[in-house]
Protein backbone atom coordinates (compact mmCIF):
# COMPACT_ATOMS: atom_id res chain seq x y z
CA MET A 1 -97.18 -14.74 11.73
CA ASP A 2 -99.42 -11.75 12.30
CA THR A 3 -98.98 -11.29 16.05
CA ALA A 4 -96.01 -10.93 18.37
CA ARG A 5 -96.89 -14.26 19.99
CA GLN A 6 -96.87 -16.05 16.62
CA ILE A 7 -93.58 -14.60 15.44
CA LEU A 8 -91.68 -14.85 18.73
CA GLU A 9 -90.58 -18.50 18.70
CA PRO A 10 -89.68 -18.72 14.99
CA LEU A 11 -87.63 -15.55 15.39
CA ARG A 12 -85.79 -16.86 18.45
CA HIS A 13 -84.93 -20.00 16.46
CA GLY A 14 -83.41 -17.85 13.71
CA ASN A 15 -86.09 -18.37 11.07
CA PRO A 16 -85.07 -15.90 8.32
CA ARG A 17 -88.64 -15.15 7.27
CA ALA A 18 -89.56 -14.33 10.87
CA VAL A 19 -86.48 -12.12 11.25
CA ALA A 20 -87.23 -10.28 8.00
CA ARG A 21 -90.87 -9.74 8.95
CA ALA A 22 -89.95 -8.50 12.43
CA ILE A 23 -87.52 -5.95 11.01
CA SER A 24 -90.23 -4.75 8.61
CA TRP A 25 -92.56 -4.37 11.58
CA MET A 26 -90.04 -2.13 13.31
CA GLU A 27 -89.42 -0.07 10.18
CA ASN A 28 -93.11 0.43 9.44
CA GLY A 29 -94.43 0.90 12.98
CA HIS A 30 -96.55 -2.26 13.00
CA PRO A 31 -99.06 -2.38 15.89
CA GLU A 32 -97.40 -5.56 17.24
CA ALA A 33 -93.84 -4.17 17.09
CA ARG A 34 -93.84 -2.84 20.64
CA ALA A 35 -95.17 -6.11 22.10
CA LEU A 36 -92.56 -8.11 20.20
CA MET A 37 -89.68 -5.99 21.48
CA ALA A 38 -90.97 -6.23 25.04
CA ALA A 39 -91.06 -10.03 24.77
CA LEU A 40 -87.53 -10.18 23.35
CA TRP A 41 -85.94 -7.71 25.75
CA PRO A 42 -84.91 -10.27 28.43
CA HIS A 43 -83.08 -12.36 25.80
CA LEU A 44 -80.70 -9.73 24.46
CA GLY A 45 -77.04 -8.91 24.96
CA ARG A 46 -75.14 -11.86 23.51
CA ALA A 47 -74.14 -10.74 20.00
CA LEU A 48 -70.97 -8.85 19.14
CA VAL A 49 -71.91 -5.70 17.20
CA VAL A 50 -69.35 -4.18 14.80
CA GLY A 51 -69.80 -0.96 12.84
CA LEU A 52 -68.11 -0.09 9.54
CA THR A 53 -68.27 3.54 8.53
CA GLY A 54 -66.43 5.84 6.16
CA SER A 55 -66.75 7.64 2.85
CA PRO A 56 -68.56 6.09 -0.12
CA GLY A 57 -66.16 4.10 -2.28
CA ALA A 58 -63.93 3.07 0.62
CA GLY A 59 -64.82 -0.59 0.12
CA LYS A 60 -66.99 -1.08 3.20
CA SER A 61 -69.25 -3.61 1.48
CA THR A 62 -66.32 -5.70 0.27
CA LEU A 63 -64.78 -5.57 3.72
CA THR A 64 -68.11 -6.60 5.26
CA ASP A 65 -68.29 -9.49 2.80
CA GLN A 66 -64.80 -10.69 3.77
CA LEU A 67 -65.42 -10.34 7.50
CA ALA A 68 -68.61 -12.35 7.17
CA ARG A 69 -66.84 -15.09 5.21
CA THR A 70 -64.10 -15.29 7.83
CA LEU A 71 -66.61 -15.51 10.67
CA ARG A 72 -68.60 -18.18 8.84
CA ALA A 73 -65.43 -20.23 8.44
CA GLU A 74 -65.30 -20.24 12.26
CA GLY A 75 -68.87 -21.54 12.40
CA GLN A 76 -70.47 -18.26 13.46
CA ARG A 77 -73.86 -16.99 12.30
CA VAL A 78 -73.61 -13.45 10.97
CA GLY A 79 -76.21 -10.72 10.59
CA ILE A 80 -75.49 -7.78 8.28
CA LEU A 81 -77.39 -4.49 8.32
CA ALA A 82 -76.47 -2.34 5.33
CA VAL A 83 -77.87 1.16 5.82
CA ASP A 84 -78.37 2.66 2.39
CA PRO A 85 -79.58 5.97 0.95
CA THR A 86 -83.35 6.29 0.65
CA SER A 87 -85.10 6.24 -2.70
CA PRO A 88 -87.10 9.47 -3.07
CA PHE A 89 -89.82 7.48 -4.87
CA SER A 90 -90.29 4.24 -2.94
CA GLY A 91 -88.78 5.20 0.43
CA GLY A 92 -86.71 2.02 0.24
CA ALA A 93 -82.97 1.41 0.08
CA ILE A 94 -81.44 2.38 -3.27
CA LEU A 95 -78.57 -0.12 -3.17
CA GLY A 96 -79.52 -3.80 -2.95
CA ASP A 97 -77.60 -5.91 -0.46
CA ARG A 98 -77.46 -8.94 -2.76
CA ILE A 99 -75.99 -6.82 -5.55
CA ARG A 100 -73.10 -5.77 -3.34
CA MET A 101 -72.57 -9.06 -1.48
CA GLN A 102 -73.54 -11.73 -3.97
CA ARG A 103 -70.97 -14.26 -2.79
CA ILE A 104 -72.44 -14.60 0.70
CA ALA A 105 -76.11 -13.77 0.16
CA ALA A 106 -77.10 -17.42 -0.37
CA ASP A 107 -75.35 -18.68 2.79
CA PRO A 108 -78.04 -19.82 5.26
CA GLY A 109 -75.79 -18.78 8.14
CA ILE A 110 -75.79 -15.16 6.96
CA PHE A 111 -78.74 -12.77 7.09
CA ILE A 112 -78.41 -9.56 5.07
CA ARG A 113 -80.83 -6.66 5.26
CA SER A 114 -80.60 -3.35 3.42
CA MET A 115 -82.24 -0.58 5.44
CA ALA A 116 -83.12 2.85 4.12
CA THR A 117 -82.11 5.87 6.19
CA ARG A 118 -85.52 7.45 5.46
CA GLY A 119 -84.06 10.83 6.35
CA ALA A 120 -82.62 9.72 9.69
CA LEU A 121 -79.58 11.64 10.88
CA GLY A 122 -76.38 9.91 11.92
CA GLY A 123 -76.17 7.64 8.88
CA LEU A 124 -78.52 5.17 10.57
CA ALA A 125 -82.00 4.02 9.73
CA ARG A 126 -84.57 4.75 12.40
CA ALA A 127 -85.07 1.06 13.07
CA THR A 128 -81.43 0.01 12.94
CA GLN A 129 -81.13 -0.40 16.69
CA ASP A 130 -84.30 -2.50 16.75
CA ALA A 131 -82.88 -4.64 13.94
CA ILE A 132 -79.65 -5.18 15.89
CA ASP A 133 -81.70 -6.46 18.82
CA LEU A 134 -83.79 -8.73 16.59
CA LEU A 135 -80.68 -10.35 15.12
CA ASP A 136 -79.25 -10.72 18.63
CA ALA A 137 -82.45 -12.41 19.82
CA ALA A 138 -82.43 -14.66 16.72
CA GLY A 139 -79.10 -16.13 17.79
CA PHE A 140 -76.68 -14.41 15.44
CA ASP A 141 -73.20 -14.37 16.94
CA THR A 142 -71.95 -11.23 15.21
CA VAL A 143 -73.92 -8.31 13.77
CA ILE A 144 -72.15 -6.04 11.29
CA VAL A 145 -73.66 -2.58 10.72
CA GLU A 146 -72.41 -0.96 7.52
CA THR A 147 -73.46 2.67 7.38
CA VAL A 148 -74.38 4.84 4.45
CA GLY A 149 -71.13 6.81 4.46
CA VAL A 150 -72.32 10.40 4.77
CA GLY A 151 -69.47 11.83 6.82
CA GLN A 152 -69.95 13.96 9.91
CA ASP A 153 -73.56 12.97 10.67
CA GLU A 154 -72.46 9.35 10.84
CA VAL A 155 -70.97 9.67 14.33
CA ASP A 156 -74.13 8.27 15.94
CA VAL A 157 -73.04 4.81 14.81
CA VAL A 158 -70.61 4.61 17.72
CA SER A 159 -73.51 4.49 20.17
CA CYS A 160 -75.01 1.43 18.48
CA VAL A 161 -71.98 -0.86 18.22
CA HIS A 162 -69.29 -2.32 20.42
CA THR A 163 -66.45 -1.59 18.01
CA CYS A 164 -66.54 1.13 15.34
CA CYS A 165 -64.19 0.75 12.37
CA VAL A 166 -63.57 3.84 10.23
CA VAL A 167 -62.59 2.77 6.71
CA LEU A 168 -60.45 5.02 4.53
CA VAL A 169 -58.63 4.55 1.23
CA PRO A 170 -55.59 6.21 -0.38
CA GLY A 171 -56.13 8.69 -3.15
CA MET A 172 -59.34 10.31 -1.95
CA GLY A 173 -58.66 13.90 -1.04
CA ASP A 174 -61.59 14.23 1.35
CA GLU A 175 -60.60 11.32 3.59
CA ILE A 176 -58.70 13.21 6.28
CA GLN A 177 -61.14 16.10 5.99
CA ALA A 178 -63.87 13.63 6.95
CA ILE A 179 -61.88 12.74 10.04
CA LYS A 180 -61.52 16.40 10.95
CA ALA A 181 -65.28 16.78 10.54
CA GLY A 182 -65.98 14.46 13.44
CA ILE A 183 -65.37 10.82 12.55
CA MET A 184 -62.06 10.91 14.42
CA GLU A 185 -63.89 10.81 17.74
CA VAL A 186 -65.93 7.69 16.94
CA ALA A 187 -63.16 5.44 15.67
CA ASP A 188 -62.10 2.44 17.73
CA LEU A 189 -60.06 1.23 14.76
CA PHE A 190 -58.85 2.87 11.58
CA VAL A 191 -58.78 0.65 8.50
CA ILE A 192 -56.89 1.78 5.41
CA ASN A 193 -58.48 -0.34 2.72
CA LYS A 194 -57.14 -0.81 -0.82
CA ALA A 195 -53.73 -0.61 0.84
CA ASP A 196 -52.04 -1.82 -2.36
CA ARG A 197 -52.63 1.63 -3.82
CA GLU A 198 -50.06 4.39 -3.91
CA GLY A 199 -50.37 6.86 -1.04
CA VAL A 200 -51.17 4.43 1.78
CA ASP A 201 -48.17 5.62 3.83
CA GLN A 202 -49.32 9.22 3.51
CA VAL A 203 -52.82 8.35 4.73
CA GLU A 204 -51.40 6.52 7.74
CA ARG A 205 -49.13 9.45 8.61
CA GLU A 206 -52.06 11.85 8.45
CA ILE A 207 -54.17 9.62 10.68
CA GLU A 208 -51.40 9.38 13.25
CA ALA A 209 -50.95 13.17 13.12
CA MET A 210 -54.66 13.69 13.74
CA LYS A 211 -54.59 11.20 16.61
CA ALA A 212 -51.80 13.20 18.23
CA LEU A 213 -54.00 16.32 18.18
CA ALA A 214 -57.09 14.56 19.56
CA PRO A 215 -57.92 14.35 23.28
CA VAL A 216 -56.14 11.53 25.06
CA ARG A 217 -58.23 8.34 25.20
CA ASP A 218 -57.78 5.23 27.28
CA TRP A 219 -57.96 3.14 24.11
CA ASP A 220 -55.56 4.23 21.37
CA PRO A 221 -57.25 3.40 18.03
CA PRO A 222 -54.81 1.32 15.96
CA VAL A 223 -54.33 1.85 12.23
CA LEU A 224 -54.66 -1.32 10.14
CA ARG A 225 -54.20 -2.01 6.45
CA THR A 226 -56.40 -4.25 4.31
CA VAL A 227 -56.92 -5.18 0.69
CA ALA A 228 -60.47 -6.41 1.08
CA ALA A 229 -60.84 -7.56 -2.52
CA GLN A 230 -58.14 -10.18 -1.87
CA GLY A 231 -58.95 -10.77 1.80
CA GLU A 232 -55.58 -9.39 2.86
CA GLY A 233 -55.46 -8.08 6.43
CA VAL A 234 -58.97 -9.29 7.28
CA PRO A 235 -57.86 -11.90 9.88
CA THR A 236 -55.76 -9.23 11.61
CA LEU A 237 -58.71 -6.84 11.54
CA LEU A 238 -60.95 -9.45 13.17
CA GLU A 239 -58.29 -10.18 15.78
CA THR A 240 -58.03 -6.47 16.61
CA ILE A 241 -61.82 -6.11 16.86
CA ARG A 242 -61.79 -8.92 19.40
CA ALA A 243 -58.89 -7.31 21.26
CA HIS A 244 -60.95 -4.12 21.55
CA GLY A 245 -63.88 -6.14 22.86
CA ALA A 246 -61.64 -7.71 25.50
CA TRP A 247 -60.41 -4.25 26.47
CA LEU A 248 -64.00 -3.03 26.83
CA ARG A 249 -64.86 -5.94 29.10
CA ALA A 250 -61.79 -5.34 31.25
CA HIS A 251 -62.33 -1.58 31.63
CA GLY A 252 -66.10 -1.23 32.03
CA GLY A 253 -66.52 -0.12 28.44
CA LEU A 254 -69.45 -2.41 27.70
CA ALA A 255 -71.54 -0.78 30.43
CA ARG A 256 -70.62 2.66 29.12
CA LYS A 257 -71.54 1.66 25.57
CA ALA A 258 -74.85 0.26 26.83
CA ARG A 259 -75.67 3.61 28.49
CA GLU A 260 -74.73 5.55 25.35
CA ARG A 261 -76.90 3.33 23.20
CA ALA A 262 -79.79 3.51 25.68
CA ARG A 263 -79.62 7.31 25.74
CA LEU A 264 -79.54 7.64 21.94
CA ARG A 265 -82.37 5.17 21.55
CA PHE A 266 -84.55 6.67 24.27
CA GLU A 267 -84.12 10.22 23.02
CA SER A 268 -84.75 9.23 19.40
CA LEU A 269 -87.93 7.36 20.29
CA LEU A 270 -89.04 10.16 22.60
CA ALA A 271 -88.56 12.76 19.85
CA GLU A 272 -90.40 10.61 17.32
CA GLU A 273 -93.33 9.93 19.63
CA ALA A 274 -93.53 13.57 20.76
CA LEU A 275 -93.65 14.69 17.12
CA ARG A 276 -96.36 12.13 16.31
CA ARG A 277 -98.51 13.20 19.25
CA ALA A 278 -98.04 16.92 18.60
CA LYS A 279 -99.08 16.52 14.96
CA ALA A 280 -102.05 14.35 15.92
CA ARG A 281 -103.28 16.93 18.47
CA ALA A 282 -102.83 19.88 16.13
CA GLY A 283 -104.33 18.16 13.09
CA ALA A 284 -103.05 18.02 9.53
CA ASP A 285 -104.66 21.31 8.44
CA ARG A 286 -103.06 23.30 11.25
CA VAL A 287 -99.66 21.74 10.64
CA GLU A 288 -99.85 22.55 6.93
CA ALA A 289 -100.95 26.09 7.72
CA ALA A 290 -97.90 26.51 9.96
CA VAL A 291 -95.61 25.19 7.22
CA GLN A 292 -97.15 27.59 4.70
CA ALA A 293 -96.80 30.53 7.09
CA ILE A 294 -93.12 29.75 7.58
CA ALA A 295 -92.56 29.40 3.82
CA GLU A 296 -94.25 32.75 3.12
CA GLY A 297 -92.28 34.54 5.83
CA HIS A 298 -95.28 35.34 8.01
CA LEU A 299 -94.08 33.22 10.93
CA ASP A 300 -90.66 32.10 12.07
CA PRO A 301 -90.23 28.34 12.65
CA TYR A 302 -89.55 28.71 16.38
CA ALA A 303 -92.80 30.55 16.91
CA ALA A 304 -94.67 27.99 14.79
CA VAL A 305 -93.32 25.10 16.87
CA ALA A 306 -94.15 26.90 20.11
CA ALA A 307 -97.69 27.53 18.89
CA ILE A 308 -98.23 23.86 18.03
CA LEU A 309 -96.81 22.65 21.34
CA ASP A 310 -98.46 25.26 23.56
CA GLU A 311 -101.90 25.22 21.98
CA GLY A 312 -102.04 21.71 20.52
């Protein structure tokens, strides 16, 4: 499976090796990646895409595990993209998906992929949107995107999913501060996990108070409680995710989400390609010279960028 033509049919039939290889192509900029995506493009748009975001330690992985198990019990095929911090040595994901989700990793109806952020802003790997499309094309019914949990920069996740769940837990003093920092605007649902802990009522009151201060939205994000380790509240969470999906379909929200995702994707790819071409035109020596000049204080970064773009 070395060409887009060779990988296309196995991928569309859900072959896990083909799916894994295709995602690696997208991550690494394989020469056949663009041709593969062009061939798959007419076959997309069927999968439900759910995002789980929130602070580290909120139990997102356990909640993802339980959601996947519930969906599998219904006969669905589930794809999971776990966006992890990047190793400074290998460039790969630090946390292994099968370490965090051992109970479901061996299920043939579940595909799990850890993806490194590789410095991408927004808590999302550069190729996450491509991976969502690949899982969609491979016939997965639901795709769950669990983000790295970095706080304010994570708001881009809302443009990649149909329903964004912000996961919080009692007893973490920075939870509501994270909402104030920007996550409030991306939440379609609030999930208070580990709701058997003391302080759950206080967290819910603070969320409701923040909602009252936020701009009025057509969809009022509900606040749900779960104890993911025991599976408590997970069926209700899934029911509410589906209710939000029905609301989107009834109010033109799916088209709006598609535009938001298209804009984010187009602008990200445009910026990446523009950077690649600018560096290629200027040459490595000139780029390094500009970096050195900035570091030594001889040139400000704006002037350096302008010089590369104008004269490259």
